[in-house]
Structures are given as C-alpha cells and as structure tokens.
C-alpha atoms as a PDB file:
ATOM      1  CA  MET A   1     -17.815  39.675  43.352  1.00  0.00           C
ATOM      2  CA  ASN A   2     -16.883  38.780  39.737  1.00  0.00           C
ATOM      3  CA  GLN A   3     -16.582  35.049  39.281  1.00  0.00           C
ATOM      4  CA  GLN A   4     -13.617  33.695  37.213  1.00  0.00           C
ATOM      5  CA  PRO A   5     -14.869  31.546  33.772  1.00  0.00           C
ATOM      6  CA  LYS A   6     -14.451  28.462  34.285  1.00  0.00           C
ATOM      7  CA  GLN A   7     -12.045  26.524  31.819  1.00  0.00           C
ATOM      8  CA  LYS A   8     -13.267  24.308  29.590  1.00  0.00           C
ATOM      9  CA  THR A   9     -12.071  20.151  29.993  1.00  0.00           C
ATOM     10  CA  THR A  10      -9.536  20.008  27.272  1.00  0.00           C
ATOM     11  CA  TYR A  11      -8.773  15.913  26.529  1.00  0.00           C
ATOM     12  CA  CYS A  12      -5.448  14.849  24.450  1.00  0.00           C
ATOM     13  CA  GLY A  13      -4.409  11.739  22.603  1.00  0.00           C
ATOM     14  CA  LEU A  14      -1.483   9.788  21.397  1.00  0.00           C
ATOM     15  CA  VAL A  15      -2.428   8.129  18.082  1.00  0.00           C
ATOM     16  CA  SER A  16       0.045   5.500  16.622  1.00  0.00           C
ATOM     17  CA  ILE A  17      -0.953   4.715  12.638  1.00  0.00           C
ATOM     18  CA  ILE A  18       0.380   1.268  12.015  1.00  0.00           C
ATOM     19  CA  GLY A  19       0.177  -1.271   9.089  1.00  0.00           C
ATOM     20  CA  ARG A  20       2.470  -2.903   6.450  1.00  0.00           C
ATOM     21  CA  PRO A  21       4.473  -0.857   3.716  1.00  0.00           C
ATOM     22  CA  ASN A  22       1.981   1.135   1.368  1.00  0.00           C
ATOM     23  CA  VAL A  23      -1.247   0.910   2.691  1.00  0.00           C
ATOM     24  CA  GLY A  24      -1.593   4.824   3.107  1.00  0.00           C
ATOM     25  CA  LYS A  25      -0.527   5.784   6.302  1.00  0.00           C
ATOM     26  CA  SER A  26       1.514   8.648   5.625  1.00  0.00           C
ATOM     27  CA  THR A  27      -1.281   9.917   2.874  1.00  0.00           C
ATOM     28  CA  LEU A  28      -3.836   9.458   5.783  1.00  0.00           C
ATOM     29  CA  MET A  29      -2.181  11.368   8.331  1.00  0.00           C
ATOM     30  CA  ASN A  30      -1.508  14.148   5.673  1.00  0.00           C
ATOM     31  CA  HIS A  31      -4.878  14.671   4.788  1.00  0.00           C
ATOM     32  CA  LEU A  32      -5.764  13.993   8.506  1.00  0.00           C
ATOM     33  CA  ILE A  33      -3.389  17.185   9.302  1.00  0.00           C
ATOM     34  CA  GLY A  34      -4.961  19.191   6.154  1.00  0.00           C
ATOM     35  CA  GLN A  35      -0.488  19.524   5.483  1.00  0.00           C
ATOM     36  CA  LYS A  36       2.014  16.863   3.989  1.00  0.00           C
ATOM     37  CA  ILE A  37       4.074  17.070   7.104  1.00  0.00           C
ATOM     38  CA  SER A  38       4.757  12.870   5.835  1.00  0.00           C
ATOM     39  CA  ILE A  39       6.806  12.303   2.768  1.00  0.00           C
ATOM     40  CA  THR A  40       5.247   9.172   0.337  1.00  0.00           C
ATOM     41  CA  SER A  41       5.834   7.242  -2.228  1.00  0.00           C
ATOM     42  CA  ARG A  42       5.120   3.054  -3.178  1.00  0.00           C
ATOM     43  CA  LYS A  43       8.833   2.431  -1.927  1.00  0.00           C
ATOM     44  CA  PRO A  44       8.418  -0.005   1.526  1.00  0.00           C
ATOM     45  CA  GLN A  45       9.704   1.862   4.513  1.00  0.00           C
ATOM     46  CA  THR A  46       9.584   5.977   2.665  1.00  0.00           C
ATOM     47  CA  THR A  47       8.962   6.765   6.226  1.00  0.00           C
ATOM     48  CA  GLN A  48      11.873   6.427   8.219  1.00  0.00           C
ATOM     49  CA  HIS A  49      11.613   9.095  10.952  1.00  0.00           C
ATOM     50  CA  ARG A  50       9.021   9.158  13.743  1.00  0.00           C
ATOM     51  CA  VAL A  51       6.767  12.395  12.784  1.00  0.00           C
ATOM     52  CA  ASN A  52       4.193  13.520  15.153  1.00  0.00           C
ATOM     53  CA  GLY A  53       1.256  15.492  13.378  1.00  0.00           C
ATOM     54  CA  VAL A  54      -0.825  17.582  15.436  1.00  0.00           C
ATOM     55  CA  ILE A  55      -4.756  18.311  15.399  1.00  0.00           C
ATOM     56  CA  SER A  56      -6.437  20.636  17.528  1.00  0.00           C
ATOM     57  CA  ILE A  57     -10.737  20.510  17.293  1.00  0.00           C
ATOM     58  CA  GLY A  58     -12.133  22.671  20.225  1.00  0.00           C
ATOM     59  CA  GLN A  59     -11.415  20.802  23.696  1.00  0.00           C
ATOM     60  CA  TYR A  60      -9.334  17.704  21.790  1.00  0.00           C
ATOM     61  CA  GLN A  61      -5.550  17.488  20.733  1.00  0.00           C
ATOM     62  CA  TYR A  62      -4.669  14.633  18.415  1.00  0.00           C
ATOM     63  CA  VAL A  63      -1.250  13.737  18.185  1.00  0.00           C
ATOM     64  CA  PHE A  64      -1.061  11.219  15.295  1.00  0.00           C
ATOM     65  CA  ILE A  65       2.700   9.562  15.331  1.00  0.00           C
ATOM     66  CA  ASP A  66       3.200   8.214  11.564  1.00  0.00           C
ATOM     67  CA  THR A  67       5.394   5.109  11.874  1.00  0.00           C
ATOM     68  CA  PRO A  68       7.587   3.217   8.946  1.00  0.00           C
ATOM     69  CA  GLY A  69       5.848  -0.082   7.355  1.00  0.00           C
ATOM     70  CA  PHE A  70       6.378  -3.178   9.081  1.00  0.00           C
ATOM     71  CA  GLN A  71       7.852  -5.586   7.323  1.00  0.00           C
ATOM     72  CA  LYS A  72      10.088  -8.170   7.425  1.00  0.00           C
ATOM     73  CA  ARG A  73      11.129  -8.878   3.034  1.00  0.00           C
ATOM     74  CA  TYR A  74      14.576  -6.817   3.852  1.00  0.00           C
ATOM     75  CA  ILE A  75      16.570  -7.953   6.899  1.00  0.00           C
ATOM     76  CA  ASN A  76      19.694  -5.111   7.909  1.00  0.00           C
ATOM     77  CA  LYS A  77      20.274  -2.951  10.569  1.00  0.00           C
ATOM     78  CA  LEU A  78      18.050  -0.104   9.450  1.00  0.00           C
ATOM     79  CA  ASN A  79      15.153  -2.058   8.824  1.00  0.00           C
ATOM     80  CA  THR A  80      15.838  -3.501  11.884  1.00  0.00           C
ATOM     81  CA  LEU A  81      16.000  -0.318  13.817  1.00  0.00           C
ATOM     82  CA  LEU A  82      12.324   0.549  12.073  1.00  0.00           C
ATOM     83  CA  ASN A  83      10.528  -2.014  12.873  1.00  0.00           C
ATOM     84  CA  LYS A  84      11.399  -1.231  16.724  1.00  0.00           C
ATOM     85  CA  SER A  85      10.273   1.773  16.406  1.00  0.00           C
ATOM     86  CA  VAL A  86       7.112   0.287  14.573  1.00  0.00           C
ATOM     87  CA  VAL A  87       6.887  -1.704  17.982  1.00  0.00           C
ATOM     88  CA  ASN A  88       7.793   1.013  20.402  1.00  0.00           C
ATOM     89  CA  SER A  89       5.186   3.345  19.224  1.00  0.00           C
ATOM     90  CA  LEU A  90       2.801   0.993  20.287  1.00  0.00           C
ATOM     91  CA  SER A  91       3.416   1.721  24.561  1.00  0.00           C
ATOM     92  CA  ASN A  92       1.937   4.223  25.967  1.00  0.00           C
ATOM     93  CA  ILE A  93       0.072   5.495  23.493  1.00  0.00           C
ATOM     94  CA  ASP A  94      -4.298   5.955  23.597  1.00  0.00           C
ATOM     95  CA  ALA A  95      -4.916   4.579  20.508  1.00  0.00           C
ATOM     96  CA  ILE A  96      -3.860   2.808  17.365  1.00  0.00           C
ATOM     97  CA  VAL A  97      -4.995   2.869  13.928  1.00  0.00           C
ATOM     98  CA  PHE A  98      -4.551  -0.156  12.217  1.00  0.00           C
ATOM     99  CA  VAL A  99      -4.440   1.049   8.775  1.00  0.00           C
ATOM    100  CA  VAL A 100      -5.058  -1.923   6.115  1.00  0.00           C
ATOM    101  CA  GLU A 101      -5.709  -1.701   2.031  1.00  0.00           C
ATOM    102  CA  ALA A 102      -9.159  -2.444   0.756  1.00  0.00           C
ATOM    103  CA  GLY A 103      -9.327  -5.707  -0.654  1.00  0.00           C
ATOM    104  CA  SER A 104      -5.899  -6.717  -0.047  1.00  0.00           C
ATOM    105  CA  PHE A 105      -5.247  -8.849   3.464  1.00  0.00           C
ATOM    106  CA  ASN A 106      -1.958 -10.231   3.240  1.00  0.00           C
ATOM    107  CA  ALA A 107       0.852 -11.825   5.350  1.00  0.00           C
ATOM    108  CA  GLY A 108       2.569  -8.832   5.940  1.00  0.00           C
ATOM    109  CA  ASP A 109      -1.164  -7.145   7.692  1.00  0.00           C
ATOM    110  CA  GLU A 110      -1.152 -10.469   9.819  1.00  0.00           C
ATOM    111  CA  GLU A 111       2.195  -9.706  11.004  1.00  0.00           C
ATOM    112  CA  VAL A 112       1.197  -6.332  12.085  1.00  0.00           C
ATOM    113  CA  LEU A 113      -1.775  -7.749  13.658  1.00  0.00           C
ATOM    114  CA  ALA A 114       0.102  -9.808  16.255  1.00  0.00           C
ATOM    115  CA  LEU A 115       1.856  -6.845  17.634  1.00  0.00           C
ATOM    116  CA  LEU A 116      -1.456  -5.421  18.371  1.00  0.00           C
ATOM    117  CA  PRO A 117      -1.714  -5.315  22.123  1.00  0.00           C
ATOM    118  CA  LYS A 118      -5.143  -7.291  23.392  1.00  0.00           C
ATOM    119  CA  THR A 119      -6.310  -4.682  25.354  1.00  0.00           C
ATOM    120  CA  ALA A 120      -5.303  -1.393  23.582  1.00  0.00           C
ATOM    121  CA  ASN A 121      -7.419   1.163  21.995  1.00  0.00           C
ATOM    122  CA  VAL A 122      -7.387  -0.213  18.203  1.00  0.00           C
ATOM    123  CA  PHE A 123      -9.017   1.295  15.193  1.00  0.00           C
ATOM    124  CA  LEU A 124      -9.562  -0.723  11.924  1.00  0.00           C
ATOM    125  CA  VAL A 125      -9.319   1.485   8.855  1.00  0.00           C
ATOM    126  CA  ILE A 126      -9.813   0.034   5.813  1.00  0.00           C
ATOM    127  CA  ASN A 127      -7.868   2.767   3.428  1.00  0.00           C
ATOM    128  CA  LYS A 128      -9.026   3.078  -0.311  1.00  0.00           C
ATOM    129  CA  GLN A 129     -12.470   1.964   0.146  1.00  0.00           C
ATOM    130  CA  ASP A 130     -13.351   2.964  -3.333  1.00  0.00           C
ATOM    131  CA  LYS A 131     -11.496  -0.018  -4.845  1.00  0.00           C
ATOM    132  CA  ILE A 132     -14.334  -2.028  -3.706  1.00  0.00           C
ATOM    133  CA  LYS A 133     -17.316  -0.832  -5.611  1.00  0.00           C
ATOM    134  CA  ASP A 134     -19.729  -3.858  -4.313  1.00  0.00           C
ATOM    135  CA  LYS A 135     -20.618  -2.800  -1.006  1.00  0.00           C
ATOM    136  CA  HIS A 136     -21.732  -6.314   0.079  1.00  0.00           C
ATOM    137  CA  GLN A 137     -17.865  -7.347  -0.798  1.00  0.00           C
ATOM    138  CA  LEU A 138     -16.420  -4.127   1.303  1.00  0.00           C
ATOM    139  CA  GLN A 139     -18.321  -5.424   4.130  1.00  0.00           C
ATOM    140  CA  ASP A 140     -17.414  -9.009   3.485  1.00  0.00           C
ATOM    141  CA  PHE A 141     -13.987  -7.445   3.675  1.00  0.00           C
ATOM    142  CA  ILE A 142     -14.668  -5.809   6.887  1.00  0.00           C
ATOM    143  CA  LYS A 143     -16.050  -8.706   8.787  1.00  0.00           C
ATOM    144  CA  GLN A 144     -12.894 -10.752   7.539  1.00  0.00           C
ATOM    145  CA  ILE A 145     -10.541  -8.937   9.596  1.00  0.00           C
ATOM    146  CA  SER A 146     -13.067  -7.731  12.342  1.00  0.00           C
ATOM    147  CA  ASP A 147     -13.070 -11.220  13.530  1.00  0.00           C
ATOM    148  CA  LYS A 148      -9.397 -11.472  14.031  1.00  0.00           C
ATOM    149  CA  TYR A 149      -9.475  -8.901  16.543  1.00  0.00           C
ATOM    150  CA  PRO A 150     -11.513  -6.847  19.195  1.00  0.00           C
ATOM    151  CA  PHE A 151     -11.149  -3.485  17.403  1.00  0.00           C
ATOM    152  CA  LYS A 152     -12.385  -0.951  19.575  1.00  0.00           C
ATOM    153  CA  GLY A 153     -13.830   0.431  16.131  1.00  0.00           C
ATOM    154  CA  VAL A 154     -14.003  -0.201  12.287  1.00  0.00           C
ATOM    155  CA  LEU A 155     -14.451   2.424   9.748  1.00  0.00           C
ATOM    156  CA  SER A 156     -13.743   2.357   5.914  1.00  0.00           C
ATOM    157  CA  VAL A 157     -12.075   5.434   4.300  1.00  0.00           C
ATOM    158  CA  SER A 158     -10.567   6.833   1.185  1.00  0.00           C
ATOM    159  CA  ALA A 159      -7.511   9.404   2.526  1.00  0.00           C
ATOM    160  CA  LYS A 160      -6.743  10.818  -0.800  1.00  0.00           C
ATOM    161  CA  GLN A 161     -10.208  11.629  -1.344  1.00  0.00           C
ATOM    162  CA  HIS A 162     -10.493  13.230   2.432  1.00  0.00           C
ATOM    163  CA  PHE A 163     -13.734  10.507   2.727  1.00  0.00           C
ATOM    164  CA  GLY A 164     -14.800   8.917   6.358  1.00  0.00           C
ATOM    165  CA  LEU A 165     -12.005  11.077   8.186  1.00  0.00           C
ATOM    166  CA  ASP A 166     -14.311  13.359  10.384  1.00  0.00           C
ATOM    167  CA  GLU A 167     -15.910   9.754  11.265  1.00  0.00           C
ATOM    168  CA  LEU A 168     -12.736   8.476  11.819  1.00  0.00           C
ATOM    169  CA  LEU A 169     -11.667  11.986  14.324  1.00  0.00           C
ATOM    170  CA  ALA A 170     -15.270  11.414  16.491  1.00  0.00           C
ATOM    171  CA  GLU A 171     -15.031   7.919  17.026  1.00  0.00           C
ATOM    172  CA  ILE A 172     -11.049   8.053  18.003  1.00  0.00           C
ATOM    173  CA  LYS A 173     -11.561  10.788  20.502  1.00  0.00           C
ATOM    174  CA  GLN A 174     -13.955   8.934  22.767  1.00  0.00           C
ATOM    175  CA  VAL A 175     -11.059   7.235  24.175  1.00  0.00           C
ATOM    176  CA  PHE A 176      -8.845  10.332  24.856  1.00  0.00           C
ATOM    177  CA  PRO A 177      -7.989  11.132  28.367  1.00  0.00           C
ATOM    178  CA  ILE A 178      -8.087  14.252  30.006  1.00  0.00           C
ATOM    179  CA  GLY A 179      -5.126  16.317  30.202  1.00  0.00           C
ATOM    180  CA  GLU A 180      -3.745  19.538  28.630  1.00  0.00           C
ATOM    181  CA  PHE A 181      -2.325  20.290  25.293  1.00  0.00           C
ATOM    182  CA  LEU A 182       0.947  18.859  24.465  1.00  0.00           C
ATOM    183  CA  TYR A 183       1.802  21.375  21.883  1.00  0.00           C
ATOM    184  CA  PRO A 184       0.065  24.758  20.790  1.00  0.00           C
ATOM    185  CA  ALA A 185      -3.466  24.802  19.376  1.00  0.00           C
ATOM    186  CA  ASP A 186      -1.944  26.131  15.925  1.00  0.00           C
ATOM    187  CA  GLN A 187       1.119  23.933  15.477  1.00  0.00           C
ATOM    188  CA  LEU A 188       0.591  21.023  12.820  1.00  0.00           C
ATOM    189  CA  THR A 189       4.130  18.902  13.774  1.00  0.00           C
ATOM    190  CA  ASP A 190       6.955  18.052  15.922  1.00  0.00           C
ATOM    191  CA  LYS A 191       9.421  18.655  13.248  1.00  0.00           C
ATOM    192  CA  SER A 192      11.004  21.718  12.002  1.00  0.00           C
ATOM    193  CA  SER A 193      10.775  23.140   8.624  1.00  0.00           C
ATOM    194  CA  GLN A 194      14.147  22.481   7.929  1.00  0.00           C
ATOM    195  CA  PHE A 195      13.739  18.704   8.815  1.00  0.00           C
ATOM    196  CA  LEU A 196      10.742  18.581   6.308  1.00  0.00           C
ATOM    197  CA  CYS A 197      13.005  20.073   3.921  1.00  0.00           C
ATOM    198  CA  SER A 198      15.405  17.559   3.922  1.00  0.00           C
ATOM    199  CA  GLU A 199      12.533  15.058   3.725  1.00  0.00           C
ATOM    200  CA  ILE A 200      11.147  16.471   0.612  1.00  0.00           C
ATOM    201  CA  ILE A 201      14.536  16.133  -1.011  1.00  0.00           C
ATOM    202  CA  ARG A 202      14.502  12.465   0.076  1.00  0.00           C
ATOM    203  CA  GLU A 203      10.792  11.566  -1.065  1.00  0.00           C
ATOM    204  CA  LYS A 204      11.922  12.775  -4.330  1.00  0.00           C
ATOM    205  CA  LEU A 205      15.003  10.690  -4.165  1.00  0.00           C
ATOM    206  CA  PHE A 206      12.514   7.608  -3.376  1.00  0.00           C
ATOM    207  CA  ARG A 207      10.266   8.525  -6.491  1.00  0.00           C
ATOM    208  CA  TYR A 208      13.161   8.707  -8.959  1.00  0.00           C
ATOM    209  CA  LEU A 209      15.962   6.100  -7.970  1.00  0.00           C
ATOM    210  CA  GLY A 210      15.893   2.325  -8.235  1.00  0.00           C
ATOM    211  CA  GLU A 211      14.595  -0.074  -5.802  1.00  0.00           C
ATOM    212  CA  GLU A 212      17.684  -0.239  -3.226  1.00  0.00           C
ATOM    213  CA  LEU A 213      19.549   3.152  -3.684  1.00  0.00           C
ATOM    214  CA  PRO A 214      17.114   5.096  -1.500  1.00  0.00           C
ATOM    215  CA  TYR A 215      18.010   2.920   1.670  1.00  0.00           C
ATOM    216  CA  SER A 216      21.712   3.493   1.120  1.00  0.00           C
ATOM    217  CA  LEU A 217      21.781   7.522   0.982  1.00  0.00           C
ATOM    218  CA  ALA A 218      20.497  10.167   3.123  1.00  0.00           C
ATOM    219  CA  VAL A 219      20.293  13.827   3.343  1.00  0.00           C
ATOM    220  CA  GLU A 220      21.885  16.801   5.306  1.00  0.00           C
ATOM    221  CA  ILE A 221      20.591  20.448   5.354  1.00  0.00           C
ATOM    222  CA  ASN A 222      23.731  22.455   4.845  1.00  0.00           C
ATOM    223  CA  GLU A 223      22.553  25.775   4.971  1.00  0.00           C
ATOM    224  CA  PHE A 224      19.130  27.137   6.033  1.00  0.00           C
ATOM    225  CA  LYS A 225      18.057  31.308   5.815  1.00  0.00           C
ATOM    226  CA  LEU A 226      15.358  33.875   5.137  1.00  0.00           C
ATOM    227  CA  ASP A 227      16.862  36.077   3.147  1.00  0.00           C
ATOM    228  CA  ASN A 228      14.684  39.064   2.183  1.00  0.00           C
ATOM    229  CA  GLU A 229      11.683  37.125   1.422  1.00  0.00           C
ATOM    230  CA  LEU A 230      13.749  34.389  -0.133  1.00  0.00           C
ATOM    231  CA  TYR A 231      14.710  30.884   1.761  1.00  0.00           C
ATOM    232  CA  ARG A 232      18.301  29.803   0.692  1.00  0.00           C
ATOM    233  CA  ILE A 233      18.688  26.227   1.324  1.00  0.00           C
ATOM    234  CA  SER A 234      21.674  24.177   0.595  1.00  0.00           C
ATOM    235  CA  ALA A 235      21.686  20.369   1.061  1.00  0.00           C
ATOM    236  CA  THR A 236      23.840  17.055   0.209  1.00  0.00           C
ATOM    237  CA  ILE A 237      23.115  13.606  -1.181  1.00  0.00           C
ATOM    238  CA  ILE A 238      25.060  11.244   0.989  1.00  0.00           C
ATOM    239  CA  VAL A 239      25.344   8.044  -0.668  1.00  0.00           C
ATOM    240  CA  ASP A 240      27.319   5.045   0.475  1.00  0.00           C
ATOM    241  CA  LYS A 241      29.818   3.891  -2.882  1.00  0.00           C
ATOM    242  CA  ASP A 242      30.948   5.976  -5.287  1.00  0.00           C
ATOM    243  CA  ASN A 243      29.417   4.059  -8.621  1.00  0.00           C
ATOM    244  CA  GLN A 244      25.819   5.310  -6.872  1.00  0.00           C
ATOM    245  CA  LYS A 245      26.445   9.267  -7.365  1.00  0.00           C
ATOM    246  CA  PRO A 246      26.684   9.207 -10.764  1.00  0.00           C
ATOM    247  CA  ILE A 247      22.911   7.110 -10.609  1.00  0.00           C
ATOM    248  CA  VAL A 248      21.696  10.400  -8.592  1.00  0.00           C
ATOM    249  CA  ILE A 249      23.063  12.655 -10.576  1.00  0.00           C
ATOM    250  CA  GLY A 250      21.829  11.110 -13.936  1.00  0.00           C
ATOM    251  CA  ARG A 251      22.996  11.944 -17.434  1.00  0.00           C
ATOM    252  CA  GLY A 252      24.719  15.111 -17.964  1.00  0.00           C
ATOM    253  CA  GLY A 253      22.748  15.496 -14.251  1.00  0.00           C
ATOM    254  CA  GLU A 254      19.646  15.390 -15.755  1.00  0.00           C
ATOM    255  CA  LYS A 255      18.004  13.320 -13.053  1.00  0.00           C
ATOM    256  CA  LEU A 256      19.869  15.568  -9.976  1.00  0.00           C
ATOM    257  CA  LYS A 257      17.991  18.479 -11.766  1.00  0.00           C
ATOM    258  CA  LYS A 258      14.543  17.319 -11.677  1.00  0.00           C
ATOM    259  CA  ILE A 259      14.971  15.923  -8.126  1.00  0.00           C
ATOM    260  CA  SER A 260      16.014  19.448  -7.305  1.00  0.00           C
ATOM    261  CA  SER A 261      13.238  21.610  -9.374  1.00  0.00           C
ATOM    262  CA  GLU A 262      10.801  19.375  -7.795  1.00  0.00           C
ATOM    263  CA  ALA A 263      11.728  19.500  -4.071  1.00  0.00           C
ATOM    264  CA  ARG A 264      12.396  23.335  -4.613  1.00  0.00           C
ATOM    265  CA  LEU A 265       8.463  23.308  -5.368  1.00  0.00           C
ATOM    266  CA  ASP A 266       7.665  21.494  -2.512  1.00  0.00           C
ATOM    267  CA  MET A 267       9.202  23.527  -0.137  1.00  0.00           C
ATOM    268  CA  GLU A 268       8.003  27.052  -1.812  1.00  0.00           C
ATOM    269  CA  HIS A 269       4.232  25.348  -0.934  1.00  0.00           C
ATOM    270  CA  LEU A 270       5.512  24.110   2.473  1.00  0.00           C
ATOM    271  CA  LEU A 271       7.779  27.481   3.848  1.00  0.00           C
ATOM    272  CA  GLN A 272       4.982  30.035   1.425  1.00  0.00           C
ATOM    273  CA  ASN A 273       7.791  31.343   0.067  1.00  0.00           C
ATOM    274  CA  LYS A 274      10.318  31.341  -2.784  1.00  0.00           C
ATOM    275  CA  VAL A 275      13.156  29.249  -2.700  1.00  0.00           C
ATOM    276  CA  PHE A 276      16.917  29.243  -3.960  1.00  0.00           C
ATOM    277  CA  LEU A 277      17.842  25.732  -3.449  1.00  0.00           C
ATOM    278  CA  GLN A 278      21.090  24.240  -4.034  1.00  0.00           C
ATOM    279  CA  VAL A 279      21.906  20.483  -4.164  1.00  0.00           C
ATOM    280  CA  TRP A 280      24.965  18.478  -4.342  1.00  0.00           C
ATOM    281  CA  VAL A 281      25.779  14.737  -3.787  1.00  0.00           C
ATOM    282  CA  LYS A 282      29.089  13.332  -1.533  1.00  0.00           C
ATOM    283  CA  VAL A 283      30.478   9.769  -1.032  1.00  0.00           C
ATOM    284  CA  LYS A 284      30.789   8.915   2.533  1.00  0.00           C
ATOM    285  CA  GLY A 285      31.989   5.305   2.176  1.00  0.00           C
ATOM    286  CA  GLY A 286      30.419   2.655   4.785  1.00  0.00           C
ATOM    287  CA  PHE A 287      28.220   5.595   6.515  1.00  0.00           C
ATOM    288  CA  ALA A 288      25.153   3.423   5.987  1.00  0.00           C
ATOM    289  CA  ASP A 289      26.505   1.269   9.066  1.00  0.00           C
ATOM    290  CA  ASP A 290      27.825   4.215  11.017  1.00  0.00           C
ATOM    291  CA  LEU A 291      26.205   4.249  14.661  1.00  0.00           C
ATOM    292  CA  LYS A 292      25.711   7.857  14.203  1.00  0.00           C
ATOM    293  CA  PHE A 293      23.621   7.281  11.036  1.00  0.00           C
ATOM    294  CA  LEU A 294      21.773   4.930  12.539  1.00  0.00           C
ATOM    295  CA  SER A 295      21.078   6.222  16.016  1.00  0.00           C
ATOM    296  CA  GLN A 296      18.475   8.878  14.396  1.00  0.00           C
ATOM    297  CA  TYR A 297      16.318   6.152  14.016  1.00  0.00           C
ATOM    298  CA  GLU A 298      16.066   4.791  17.308  1.00  0.00           C
ATOM    299  CA  SER A 299      12.744   5.777  19.269  1.00  0.00           C
END
C-alpha cells in the first residue's frame, strides 16, 4: 500500500515595521522583499497606506506590514489617522521590527518606544549602521537603546546595502507560529499593480514639491489597461486649492513633465512592459477633509 508523502509543517508570521519618520522603514521592506512596493522620500509620512510585503522562503512566509512614520510634529485629521494606523498595527501580530537610525535616538524614537507592548516579540533594528564607523561607538549606541526595553533580538543592518537582512529574517522566523501561508508563495504584496502605479506618482510628488503640498493632494488612476504589450495609464492629481495647481504643473509644464517621466520609468520597471502615461491636475476644494478621502487611511 502506497503511503501519501507527509506534508511539511509551514509557518506564517505577521511582522509590523515601525519607527519614526525617515529611519528607512520602507527601504528596509523593499530590500527584504527584493522589489520596490513601498514608496520612499525624505519627507515624513510618505507612506500613508498600510502596505503588506510578502516573502516566502521554504516553509516560512513573512508578511511585513509597512506603516507610516509615527510623529506628532504635524497634527491634522490625516496625521491623526496615520498615527492611529501605526498603533493598530501593533495588535494581533507575531513580531514587531522597531527601526532606529544608527547614531540618532531622539524624542520621536522615544514616542514610538512608548507604544511597544511589553509582552510583544520586538526586534530592535539599527538601520544605516554604516554611518557609525567606530565599532565601539556603535556597540555603545546599541547598548543605550537595548537598556530601554526587553527586546527579543537586536540587529544592526544597512538596508540600502542589503547588509544584515538575512540575519534579520533568521531571527524573526524563530517566533512564527505554525500556520498556512496567507498568500501564494510567489506573491510579493497585497496591493494591485494599479495601486502601486498610483503610489509611484505620489512618490514623485513628495520628492519634487514643497514641504506641505504633498499632504494636500491625492492621485487617482482613471485608466489602466494592457493594449498589445503596452500599458495605457491615465491618472489625475487632485489638489485642494486653486493656487496649488500651477505649483504642481510648474513653469511651462516642466515640473509635471518631470514627475510624469520619472513615474513612467518606474512603472515600466514594475510592470515589465512599456507604458504610455498621461497625467492631469484637477482642483477639488475641500477634498482633503472629506470623510470619503480620509476613510481610506483607516485601518
């Protein structure tokens, strides 16, 4: 009588990546996944939507949750919802990756530290470790933070250089429960290609506009279709006030052309196809405080 092959035990863990703005949370997740699925910029709270990044390695599936940077410097309705989403991401998960920047631990980091549940599996990750050349100085910095909380593990990494990431994965999986994979083994994110393309445009807006304006606009995809190996994508950038439209367009349309051109290249890399992209700018007064607009950030 032939015996059925024994199924291997699988493990699946939800891992929340948290930290103050600009410590490299999204960069860390992108390099862990091996593909850019979360946008980045130097401005705080560039990440505004909960984005899940998925890695399946052998019997283990990691589901990383990229969260907005927790901060109290700018307080408005949107910021309040983003901070709330960070707090919510700390519940019903298997591990927390608390990211700090090497050599810099300030009041913003302390605010995030205060959110950490005392009984959670929290891993302290010192990112940009190459910023501290002296190993003894780095060790002193790590000890200073390690004394503040009973971390499950402490690792120093450099996300951009892909240094220390394999060690991080090896540490985290030790706390994963037995369970079926939540996603197919070849899936990298819970977000659609259309969503990722809208985020690419928003990333360029964050990079090329002033400090406040990117927080008062949105991107809508109007058309997204594959036509004979060419993606035809049209998008609308929605701004809150009349005087914001010319700022986004720029003199002679140069700024919008630059934003569109760079977004198109990133979309082609993501979709592995040529892209024909059209982008317009529209004014919709009061939309930034509209309940329908704000509801998309609730989690």
